Amino acid sequence: VQLQASGGGLVQAGGSLTLSCAGSTISDMAWYRQSPLKDREMVATIFSGGNTNYADSVKGRFIISRDDPNNMLYLYLNSLKPEDTGVYYCKNLLIDSWGRGTLVTVSS
């Protein structure tokens, strides 16, 4: 059930990135990020029925989506800001384990 996030990188403010997450199974899913000197925070969630929720800080800029047949989760990051910098993790909300994250760095 290990989840593997990918797609991070260095981007200028205002740019975009697409993060992907591959897992052996997906259910209710979320993207979290851990920024320097901050606790890990939930960025976006998507439930099996398709309902989504976003943190206020990313609402209108990030989009979470899922591809159930291929057990994939995505996060589209748009209009990136320096404060979006951090390690992004995907998580199955029904399983108490964390996979490998991917680093996003936004330069000003």
Protein backbone atom coordinates (compact mmCIF):
# COMPACT_ATOMS: atom_id res chain seq x y z
CA VAL A 1 0.00 0.00 0.00
CA GLN A 2 3.10 2.24 -0.10
CA LEU A 3 2.37 5.49 -1.84
CA GLN A 4 4.93 7.23 -4.01
CA ALA A 5 4.58 10.91 -4.84
CA SER A 6 6.44 12.42 -7.79
CA GLY A 7 6.52 15.48 -9.99
CA GLY A 8 8.06 18.04 -7.67
CA GLY A 9 10.73 20.46 -8.71
CA LEU A 10 11.90 24.06 -8.79
CA VAL A 11 9.52 26.58 -10.32
CA GLN A 12 9.21 30.35 -10.35
CA ALA A 13 6.37 32.10 -8.61
CA GLY A 14 3.30 32.10 -10.82
CA GLY A 15 4.27 28.81 -12.42
CA SER A 16 2.62 25.43 -12.37
CA LEU A 17 3.44 21.84 -11.49
CA THR A 18 1.61 18.55 -11.60
CA LEU A 19 2.17 16.04 -8.81
CA SER A 20 1.34 12.37 -9.21
CA CYS A 21 0.87 9.63 -6.65
CA ALA A 22 0.89 5.93 -7.43
CA GLY A 23 -0.47 3.34 -5.03
CA SER A 24 -1.61 -0.24 -4.98
CA THR A 25 -5.05 0.93 -3.94
CA ILE A 26 -6.75 4.28 -3.39
CA SER A 27 -9.83 5.20 -1.41
CA ASP A 28 -10.42 8.49 0.38
CA MET A 29 -7.22 10.37 -0.44
CA ALA A 30 -5.42 13.56 0.45
CA TRP A 31 -2.37 15.62 -0.34
CA TYR A 32 -0.40 17.06 2.56
CA ARG A 33 2.60 19.31 2.59
CA GLN A 34 5.32 19.99 5.10
CA SER A 35 6.88 23.41 4.83
CA PRO A 36 10.06 24.46 6.60
CA LEU A 37 9.40 25.24 10.25
CA LYS A 38 5.72 24.28 9.96
CA ASP A 39 3.68 21.24 10.88
CA ARG A 40 2.45 18.98 8.13
CA GLU A 41 -0.85 20.36 6.81
CA MET A 42 -3.60 18.94 4.67
CA VAL A 43 -3.77 20.71 1.30
CA ALA A 44 -6.58 18.89 -0.49
CA THR A 45 -8.80 15.86 -0.11
CA ILE A 46 -10.83 13.79 -2.53
CA PHE A 47 -13.25 11.12 -1.46
CA SER A 48 -14.29 7.96 -3.24
CA GLY A 49 -17.50 9.64 -4.40
CA GLY A 50 -15.52 12.48 -5.93
CA ASN A 51 -16.17 15.23 -3.38
CA THR A 52 -13.18 17.50 -2.82
CA ASN A 53 -12.00 19.91 -0.14
CA TYR A 54 -9.14 22.40 -0.17
CA ALA A 55 -7.21 24.37 2.39
CA ASP A 56 -8.08 28.06 2.18
CA SER A 57 -4.48 28.84 1.25
CA VAL A 58 -4.71 26.86 -2.02
CA LYS A 59 -8.38 27.19 -2.90
CA GLY A 60 -8.79 28.35 -6.49
CA ARG A 61 -5.18 27.51 -7.36
CA PHE A 62 -4.78 23.76 -6.75
CA ILE A 63 -6.91 20.95 -8.15
CA ILE A 64 -6.99 17.39 -6.83
CA SER A 65 -8.13 14.54 -9.04
CA ARG A 66 -8.07 10.76 -9.10
CA ASP A 67 -7.83 7.96 -11.65
CA ASP A 68 -9.33 4.96 -9.91
CA PRO A 69 -8.73 2.28 -12.59
CA ASN A 70 -5.02 3.06 -12.45
CA ASN A 71 -4.83 3.78 -8.69
CA MET A 72 -3.43 7.24 -9.33
CA LEU A 73 -3.90 10.53 -7.51
CA TYR A 74 -2.96 13.94 -8.90
CA LEU A 75 -2.50 17.47 -7.64
CA TYR A 76 -2.37 20.32 -10.14
CA LEU A 77 -0.57 23.31 -8.64
CA ASN A 78 -1.18 26.62 -10.37
CA SER A 79 -0.25 30.23 -9.63
CA LEU A 80 2.42 28.96 -7.27
CA LYS A 81 3.70 31.17 -4.47
CA PRO A 82 6.93 30.93 -2.47
CA GLU A 83 4.87 29.90 0.56
CA ASP A 84 3.78 26.78 -1.34
CA THR A 85 7.33 25.46 -0.95
CA GLY A 86 7.51 22.17 0.91
CA VAL A 87 7.51 18.41 0.67
CA TYR A 88 4.21 17.13 -0.66
CA TYR A 89 2.85 13.77 0.41
CA CYS A 90 -0.13 11.80 -0.76
CA LYS A 91 -2.02 9.73 1.77
CA ASN A 92 -4.76 7.17 1.88
CA LEU A 93 -6.95 8.52 4.69
CA LEU A 94 -8.02 5.03 5.71
CA ILE A 95 -4.45 3.78 6.23
CA ASP A 96 -2.11 5.00 8.93
CA SER A 97 1.13 5.19 6.99
CA TRP A 98 3.06 7.70 4.94
CA GLY A 99 4.86 7.17 1.69
CA ARG A 100 7.69 9.13 0.13
CA GLY A 101 7.03 12.79 -0.58
CA THR A 102 8.16 15.04 -3.40
CA LEU A 103 9.81 18.42 -2.92
CA VAL A 104 8.29 21.55 -4.45
CA THR A 105 10.38 24.71 -4.35
CA VAL A 106 8.90 28.00 -5.52
CA SER A 107 11.33 30.84 -6.08
CA SER A 108 10.30 34.47 -5.88
